[in-house]
Protein backbone atom coordinates (compact mmCIF):
# COMPACT_ATOMS: atom_id res chain seq x y z
CA UNK A 1 0.00 0.00 0.00
CA UNK A 2 1.41 3.38 -0.96
CA UNK A 3 -0.28 6.73 -0.70
CA UNK A 4 -2.42 8.53 1.84
CA UNK A 5 -5.16 6.37 3.30
CA UNK A 6 -8.29 7.05 5.35
CA UNK A 7 -9.98 4.54 7.61
CA UNK A 8 -13.24 4.94 9.52
CA UNK A 9 -12.03 2.15 11.82
CA UNK A 10 -9.79 3.13 14.75
CA UNK A 11 -7.96 -0.21 14.70
CA UNK A 12 -4.95 -0.60 12.42
CA UNK A 13 -4.65 -4.32 13.12
CA UNK A 14 -6.65 -5.46 10.10
CA UNK A 15 -4.87 -3.19 7.55
CA UNK A 16 -8.19 -2.01 6.14
CA UNK A 17 -9.00 1.44 4.86
CA UNK A 18 -11.93 3.17 3.20
CA UNK A 19 -10.10 5.29 0.65
CA UNK A 20 -6.62 5.97 -0.64
CA UNK A 21 -5.02 8.82 -2.58
CA UNK A 22 -1.88 8.17 -4.59
CA UNK A 23 0.46 10.67 -6.25
CA UNK A 24 -0.03 10.98 -9.99
CA UNK A 25 1.97 12.80 -12.67
CA UNK A 26 -0.01 13.73 -15.77
CA UNK A 27 3.04 15.10 -17.57
CA UNK A 28 2.31 18.68 -16.54
CA UNK A 29 1.66 18.64 -12.83
CA UNK A 30 1.56 16.41 -9.77
CA UNK A 31 -1.75 15.65 -8.15
CA UNK A 32 -3.52 13.10 -5.99
CA UNK A 33 -5.69 10.40 -7.49
CA UNK A 34 -8.43 8.62 -5.47
CA UNK A 35 -8.57 4.84 -5.53
CA UNK A 36 -12.34 5.15 -6.00
CA UNK A 37 -13.64 3.12 -3.09
CA UNK A 38 -16.08 5.91 -2.17
CA UNK A 39 -17.61 5.94 -5.66
CA UNK A 40 -16.57 9.51 -6.33
CA UNK A 41 -15.11 10.89 -9.53
CA UNK A 42 -11.71 9.56 -10.54
CA UNK A 43 -10.29 12.99 -11.39
CA UNK A 44 -6.84 14.07 -10.25
CA UNK A 45 -7.04 16.32 -7.18
CA UNK A 46 -4.95 19.24 -5.96
CA UNK A 47 -3.74 19.30 -2.37
CA UNK A 48 -6.75 21.44 -1.45
CA UNK A 49 -9.06 19.13 -3.37
CA UNK A 50 -7.62 16.11 -1.55
CA UNK A 51 -8.26 17.79 1.82
CA UNK A 52 -11.87 18.50 0.82
CA UNK A 53 -12.23 14.93 -0.47
CA UNK A 54 -11.16 13.40 2.85
CA UNK A 55 -13.24 15.94 4.81
CA UNK A 56 -16.38 14.93 2.88
CA UNK A 57 -15.72 11.25 3.67
CA UNK A 58 -15.15 12.08 7.34
CA UNK A 59 -18.19 14.31 7.85
CA UNK A 60 -20.74 12.36 5.75
CA UNK A 61 -21.67 9.77 8.45
CA UNK A 62 -22.28 12.60 10.95
CA UNK A 63 -24.67 14.36 8.56
CA UNK A 64 -26.92 11.33 8.13
């Protein structure tokens, strides 16, 4: 596993996670690409976009 991961579970024993962002180079710029486990768009994200992406995943269960 490489990249930045997010897990809704507080236990790291089972090596599970809900989403992962990996670094991507499109030939012009570096960005972060979601693995797609949350069924969101597969577009490359900026650092700010990645922060918003993880925030949405974090806050969504509290809004339901």
